[in-house]
Amino acid sequence: MNEFPLDIFYFLFNLILFLLSGIILILRIRRWKVSYPFINLIKEFLRKEKLGVFAKLKIIVNTFIHELLFLRRAGFLCEENFHFYGRVFLVYGFGGMVIMNFVNYVLNPKGYPLGFLHPLSFLSYLAYAAMSIGALMLLLRRLIRVNLRKTTDISVWLMHSLLLYFGIIGILFFTSINAGYILLSSILFYFYLAGISLLYLYLPLSEVGYFIWKGSSLLTHALRSEYRKI
């Protein structure tokens, strides 16, 4: 009996969880009794104004880079440099992890060992390490400061702990593959899948879900502001 192809299983696994995550986020936004920013962003982009498609794309890209990619909005919410740089490591590490998982799937769908110094392995390690460092920094900040430790909601502890767990498991999993430890990599694979599942299903309920909503709202507001100038 032939085994189900691992690359197809991994694709379907992520697709199903992605759809469930999207549904959870939509239901959460519905509870806030506000409009859906993703739909508003599409509507604003498709509006027949004097602005062309490329002009609208330029506004969206510039807003995304200056307000979100450079973490200006994140910086406004940070109380000190340690907090800000913790978020920098976490956001860029998480984003890099998502990108590298996609690239690895496209270029190496069977998950063959590539070696520790292969560009895909190196960039993957860098992303997981940055995410782990950021999550650890934010956890330590709340553990060390008594006032934060007492007032931090359990959902924040869970989110940072989950991101730290996934970052460490990701490093261990890819290390076991590159080192040729077949049994260990098979075991860690299930811990890795568990981490992916928890991320997909929990992050929409955390402040990450709010940031996704807020980011879409910022892009929509940028387009509307430009329309008013016409």
Protein backbone atom coordinates (compact mmCIF):
# COMPACT_ATOMS: atom_id res chain seq x y z
CA MET A 1 0.00 0.00 0.00
CA ASN A 2 1.44 3.34 -1.07
CA GLU A 3 1.79 6.04 1.55
CA PHE A 4 -0.02 9.34 1.09
CA PRO A 5 2.50 11.85 -0.40
CA LEU A 6 3.94 14.00 2.38
CA ASP A 7 4.05 17.17 0.28
CA ILE A 8 0.34 16.89 -0.60
CA PHE A 9 -0.54 16.13 3.02
CA TYR A 10 1.41 19.19 4.21
CA PHE A 11 -0.29 21.41 1.63
CA LEU A 12 -3.80 20.20 2.55
CA PHE A 13 -2.96 20.41 6.25
CA ASN A 14 -1.97 24.08 5.94
CA LEU A 15 -4.85 24.91 3.59
CA ILE A 16 -7.50 23.53 5.95
CA LEU A 17 -5.99 25.26 8.98
CA PHE A 18 -5.63 28.52 7.05
CA LEU A 19 -9.34 28.44 6.16
CA LEU A 20 -10.29 27.65 9.76
CA SER A 21 -8.07 30.47 10.97
CA GLY A 22 -9.74 32.88 8.56
CA ILE A 23 -13.19 31.82 9.74
CA ILE A 24 -12.17 32.31 13.38
CA LEU A 25 -10.84 35.79 12.61
CA ILE A 26 -14.03 36.76 10.74
CA LEU A 27 -16.19 35.55 13.64
CA ARG A 28 -14.04 37.53 16.08
CA ILE A 29 -14.35 40.71 14.04
CA ARG A 30 -18.10 40.12 13.85
CA ARG A 31 -18.25 40.12 17.65
CA TRP A 32 -16.61 43.56 17.65
CA LYS A 33 -19.57 44.79 15.56
CA VAL A 34 -17.31 46.62 13.12
CA SER A 35 -16.90 46.36 9.37
CA TYR A 36 -14.53 43.88 7.76
CA PRO A 37 -11.42 45.85 6.71
CA PHE A 38 -10.37 43.28 4.10
CA ILE A 39 -13.64 43.78 2.22
CA ASN A 40 -13.44 47.56 2.64
CA LEU A 41 -9.88 47.56 1.29
CA ILE A 42 -10.96 45.68 -1.84
CA LYS A 43 -13.96 47.99 -2.32
CA GLU A 44 -11.81 51.11 -1.98
CA PHE A 45 -9.24 49.71 -4.40
CA LEU A 46 -11.93 48.94 -7.01
CA ARG A 47 -13.59 52.36 -6.71
CA LYS A 48 -13.67 54.23 -10.02
CA GLU A 49 -11.69 57.32 -9.12
CA LYS A 50 -9.19 59.41 -11.04
CA LEU A 51 -6.41 57.35 -9.55
CA GLY A 52 -5.12 54.51 -11.70
CA VAL A 53 -4.36 50.98 -10.55
CA PHE A 54 -0.63 51.61 -10.23
CA ALA A 55 -1.24 54.79 -8.24
CA LYS A 56 -3.45 52.88 -5.81
CA LEU A 57 -0.88 50.10 -5.52
CA LYS A 58 1.80 52.70 -4.81
CA ILE A 59 -0.28 54.18 -1.95
CA ILE A 60 -0.85 50.73 -0.46
CA VAL A 61 2.81 49.73 -0.76
CA ASN A 62 4.09 53.01 0.69
CA THR A 63 1.66 52.81 3.61
CA PHE A 64 2.53 49.18 4.23
CA ILE A 65 6.27 49.93 4.23
CA HIS A 66 6.25 53.11 6.32
CA GLU A 67 3.47 52.33 8.79
CA LEU A 68 3.64 48.54 9.12
CA LEU A 69 6.95 47.18 7.80
CA PHE A 70 8.97 49.84 9.64
CA LEU A 71 6.82 49.16 12.73
CA ARG A 72 5.87 52.77 13.28
CA ARG A 73 2.53 51.74 14.72
CA ALA A 74 4.19 49.07 16.85
CA GLY A 75 6.65 51.65 18.11
CA PHE A 76 3.84 53.88 19.34
CA LEU A 77 2.61 51.07 21.57
CA CYS A 78 6.01 50.24 23.11
CA GLU A 79 7.08 51.61 26.47
CA GLU A 80 10.86 51.18 26.08
CA ASN A 81 13.52 50.02 23.62
CA PHE A 82 13.59 46.46 24.99
CA HIS A 83 9.86 46.17 24.27
CA PHE A 84 10.22 47.64 20.80
CA TYR A 85 13.16 45.46 19.74
CA GLY A 86 11.40 42.40 21.13
CA ARG A 87 8.55 43.16 18.77
CA VAL A 88 11.00 43.80 15.92
CA PHE A 89 12.57 40.35 16.33
CA LEU A 90 9.18 38.70 16.75
CA VAL A 91 7.42 40.38 13.81
CA TYR A 92 10.28 40.03 11.33
CA GLY A 93 11.08 36.53 12.56
CA PHE A 94 7.46 35.43 12.24
CA GLY A 95 7.15 37.00 8.79
CA GLY A 96 10.42 35.41 7.69
CA MET A 97 9.26 32.04 9.01
CA VAL A 98 6.04 32.22 6.97
CA ILE A 99 7.95 33.20 3.82
CA MET A 100 10.64 30.53 4.27
CA ASN A 101 8.06 27.81 4.91
CA PHE A 102 6.41 28.71 1.61
CA VAL A 103 9.75 28.88 -0.25
CA ASN A 104 10.91 25.59 1.25
CA TYR A 105 7.68 23.92 0.23
CA VAL A 106 7.99 25.17 -3.36
CA LEU A 107 11.70 24.42 -3.81
CA ASN A 108 12.02 21.36 -1.57
CA PRO A 109 8.51 19.83 -1.21
CA LYS A 110 9.84 16.39 -0.18
CA GLY A 111 11.82 17.88 2.71
CA TYR A 112 15.19 16.44 1.71
CA PRO A 113 18.22 17.35 3.87
CA LEU A 114 19.90 20.44 2.43
CA GLY A 115 22.79 20.90 4.84
CA PHE A 116 23.28 23.51 7.52
CA LEU A 117 24.95 26.06 5.22
CA HIS A 118 22.45 25.85 2.37
CA PRO A 119 20.79 29.27 1.81
CA LEU A 120 17.30 27.87 2.47
CA SER A 121 18.46 26.25 5.72
CA PHE A 122 20.39 29.33 6.84
CA LEU A 123 17.48 31.73 6.21
CA SER A 124 15.04 29.35 7.89
CA TYR A 125 17.26 29.11 10.97
CA LEU A 126 17.59 32.91 11.00
CA ALA A 127 13.81 33.39 10.90
CA TYR A 128 13.08 30.83 13.63
CA ALA A 129 15.89 32.21 15.80
CA ALA A 130 14.66 35.81 15.45
CA MET A 131 11.11 34.76 16.31
CA SER A 132 12.33 32.81 19.35
CA ILE A 133 14.48 35.72 20.57
CA GLY A 134 11.60 38.18 20.17
CA ALA A 135 9.12 35.96 21.99
CA LEU A 136 11.64 35.33 24.78
CA MET A 137 12.36 39.05 25.16
CA LEU A 138 8.66 39.86 25.49
CA LEU A 139 8.15 37.03 27.97
CA LEU A 140 11.12 38.10 30.10
CA ARG A 141 9.93 41.70 30.08
CA ARG A 142 6.62 40.65 31.61
CA LEU A 143 8.22 38.22 34.04
CA ILE A 144 10.80 40.69 35.37
CA ARG A 145 8.51 43.69 35.79
CA VAL A 146 6.19 43.02 38.71
CA ASN A 147 3.43 45.38 37.57
CA LEU A 148 3.32 43.76 34.13
CA ARG A 149 3.44 40.26 35.57
CA LYS A 150 0.35 40.98 37.67
CA THR A 151 -1.67 42.72 34.98
CA THR A 152 -0.83 40.67 31.87
CA ASP A 153 -3.76 38.69 30.53
CA ILE A 154 -3.38 34.93 30.20
CA SER A 155 -3.92 35.18 26.43
CA VAL A 156 -0.73 37.25 26.07
CA TRP A 157 1.29 34.69 28.04
CA LEU A 158 -0.11 31.94 25.82
CA MET A 159 0.66 33.80 22.60
CA HIS A 160 4.29 34.56 23.46
CA SER A 161 4.85 31.07 24.87
CA LEU A 162 3.35 29.50 21.75
CA LEU A 163 5.57 31.55 19.45
CA LEU A 164 8.64 30.65 21.53
CA TYR A 165 7.67 26.97 21.43
CA PHE A 166 7.22 26.99 17.66
CA GLY A 167 10.49 28.84 17.10
CA ILE A 168 12.47 26.32 19.16
CA ILE A 169 10.68 23.30 17.66
CA GLY A 170 11.31 24.68 14.17
CA ILE A 171 15.05 24.95 14.83
CA LEU A 172 15.21 21.44 16.34
CA PHE A 173 13.11 19.93 13.55
CA PHE A 174 15.19 21.34 10.68
CA THR A 175 18.41 20.52 12.55
CA SER A 176 17.37 16.87 12.91
CA ILE A 177 16.59 16.72 9.16
CA ASN A 178 19.90 18.27 8.12
CA ALA A 179 21.81 16.06 10.55
CA GLY A 180 20.18 12.94 9.11
CA TYR A 181 18.48 11.85 12.35
CA ILE A 182 15.49 10.15 10.72
CA LEU A 183 13.81 8.85 13.88
CA LEU A 184 14.23 12.13 15.76
CA SER A 185 12.98 14.20 12.81
CA SER A 186 9.93 11.91 12.51
CA ILE A 187 9.08 12.50 16.17
CA LEU A 188 9.71 16.25 16.01
CA PHE A 189 7.56 16.44 12.88
CA TYR A 190 4.46 15.77 15.00
CA PHE A 191 5.47 18.44 17.52
CA TYR A 192 6.03 20.77 14.55
CA LEU A 193 2.55 20.03 13.17
CA ALA A 194 1.09 20.59 16.64
CA GLY A 195 2.80 24.00 16.76
CA ILE A 196 1.44 24.94 13.34
CA SER A 197 -2.07 23.89 14.38
CA LEU A 198 -1.94 25.94 17.57
CA LEU A 199 -0.63 28.99 15.69
CA TYR A 200 -3.34 28.84 13.05
CA LEU A 201 -6.16 28.35 15.53
CA TYR A 202 -5.00 30.63 18.34
CA LEU A 203 -3.38 33.65 16.69
CA PRO A 204 -6.70 34.98 15.27
CA LEU A 205 -7.96 35.10 18.87
CA SER A 206 -4.85 36.91 20.13
CA GLU A 207 -3.67 40.48 19.59
CA VAL A 208 -2.23 39.30 16.26
CA GLY A 209 -5.82 39.12 15.00
CA TYR A 210 -6.29 42.73 16.08
CA PHE A 211 -3.10 43.81 14.28
CA ILE A 212 -4.28 42.13 11.07
CA TRP A 213 -7.57 44.02 11.35
CA LYS A 214 -5.75 47.26 12.20
CA GLY A 215 -3.28 46.88 9.33
CA SER A 216 -6.07 46.43 6.79
CA SER A 217 -7.85 49.45 8.27
CA LEU A 218 -4.71 51.59 7.90
CA LEU A 219 -4.37 50.66 4.23
CA THR A 220 -8.06 51.42 3.62
CA HIS A 221 -7.73 54.79 5.39
CA ALA A 222 -4.69 55.68 3.24
CA LEU A 223 -6.68 55.12 0.04
CA ARG A 224 -9.68 57.11 1.31
CA SER A 225 -7.44 60.01 2.36
CA GLU A 226 -5.92 60.13 -1.12
CA TYR A 227 -9.37 60.12 -2.72
CA ARG A 228 -10.34 63.20 -0.70
CA LYS A 229 -7.41 65.12 -2.19
CA ILE A 230 -8.71 64.62 -5.73
